[in-house]
C-alpha cells in the first residue's frame, strides 16, 4: 500500500472542494429552474432538514443516475 504525502492529501482536498462547488452550482441551477420560491420554501420547511422530500428525491435520483 502506498503512503500518501501531504501534497497528495492537499490535492485530494482541493479536488473534493472543487467537486462540492460544482455540485452545489448545478443543483442550485436545477432547483431555480424547476421550482418557484414558494415551492422551495415548502421543500425546505417540510419535515425538517434533511426533509423527507429531499431524501426521497435524492434516493430516486441516485437510482436513476447515469
Protein backbone atom coordinates (compact mmCIF):
# COMPACT_ATOMS: atom_id res chain seq x y z
CA UNK A 1 0.00 0.00 0.00
CA UNK A 2 1.35 3.42 -0.96
CA UNK A 3 1.51 6.11 1.66
CA UNK A 4 0.08 9.49 0.81
CA UNK A 5 2.19 12.59 1.07
CA UNK A 6 0.90 15.87 2.46
CA UNK A 7 0.82 17.10 -1.15
CA UNK A 8 -1.44 14.18 -2.08
CA UNK A 9 -3.76 14.92 0.82
CA UNK A 10 -3.89 18.62 -0.10
CA UNK A 11 -4.57 17.81 -3.76
CA UNK A 12 -7.38 15.41 -2.86
CA UNK A 13 -8.95 18.02 -0.58
CA UNK A 14 -8.74 20.68 -3.34
CA UNK A 15 -10.35 18.24 -5.80
CA UNK A 16 -13.08 17.42 -3.30
CA UNK A 17 -13.84 21.09 -2.64
CA UNK A 18 -13.93 21.85 -6.37
CA UNK A 19 -16.42 18.99 -6.90
CA UNK A 20 -18.53 20.27 -4.00
CA UNK A 21 -18.70 23.74 -5.57
CA UNK A 22 -19.59 22.24 -8.96
CA UNK A 23 -22.37 20.08 -7.49
CA UNK A 24 -23.84 22.94 -5.48
CA UNK A 25 -23.88 25.20 -8.54
CA UNK A 26 -25.51 22.57 -10.74
CA UNK A 27 -28.13 21.64 -8.15
CA UNK A 28 -28.94 25.30 -7.46
CA UNK A 29 -29.40 25.92 -11.19
CA UNK A 30 -31.78 22.96 -11.50
CA UNK A 31 -33.78 23.94 -8.41
CA UNK A 32 -34.10 27.58 -9.52
CA UNK A 33 -35.26 26.45 -12.96
CA UNK A 34 -37.75 23.82 -11.81
CA UNK A 35 -39.29 25.28 -8.63
CA UNK A 36 -40.93 28.52 -7.57
CA UNK A 37 -39.79 30.35 -4.44
CA UNK A 38 -42.88 29.12 -2.58
CA UNK A 39 -42.18 25.52 -3.62
CA UNK A 40 -38.56 25.81 -2.47
CA UNK A 41 -39.72 27.18 0.89
CA UNK A 42 -42.20 24.29 1.18
CA UNK A 43 -39.49 21.71 0.42
CA UNK A 44 -37.08 23.35 2.89
CA UNK A 45 -39.61 23.53 5.74
CA UNK A 46 -41.45 20.22 5.22
CA UNK A 47 -40.44 17.83 7.98
CA UNK A 48 -37.08 19.38 8.89
CA UNK A 49 -33.71 19.12 7.21
CA UNK A 50 -32.91 16.85 5.59
CA UNK A 51 -36.58 16.65 4.88
CA UNK A 52 -38.37 13.58 3.61
CA UNK A 53 -38.95 15.27 0.25
CA UNK A 54 -35.23 15.85 -0.25
CA UNK A 55 -34.27 12.38 0.95
CA UNK A 56 -36.79 10.65 -1.30
CA UNK A 57 -35.86 12.78 -4.32
CA UNK A 58 -32.16 12.13 -3.70
CA UNK A 59 -32.73 8.37 -3.49
CA UNK A 60 -34.73 8.34 -6.74
CA UNK A 61 -32.06 10.44 -8.46
CA UNK A 62 -29.32 8.15 -7.12
CA UNK A 63 -31.06 5.11 -8.60
CA UNK A 64 -31.62 6.81 -11.97
CA UNK A 65 -28.19 8.48 -12.20
CA UNK A 66 -26.11 7.83 -15.28
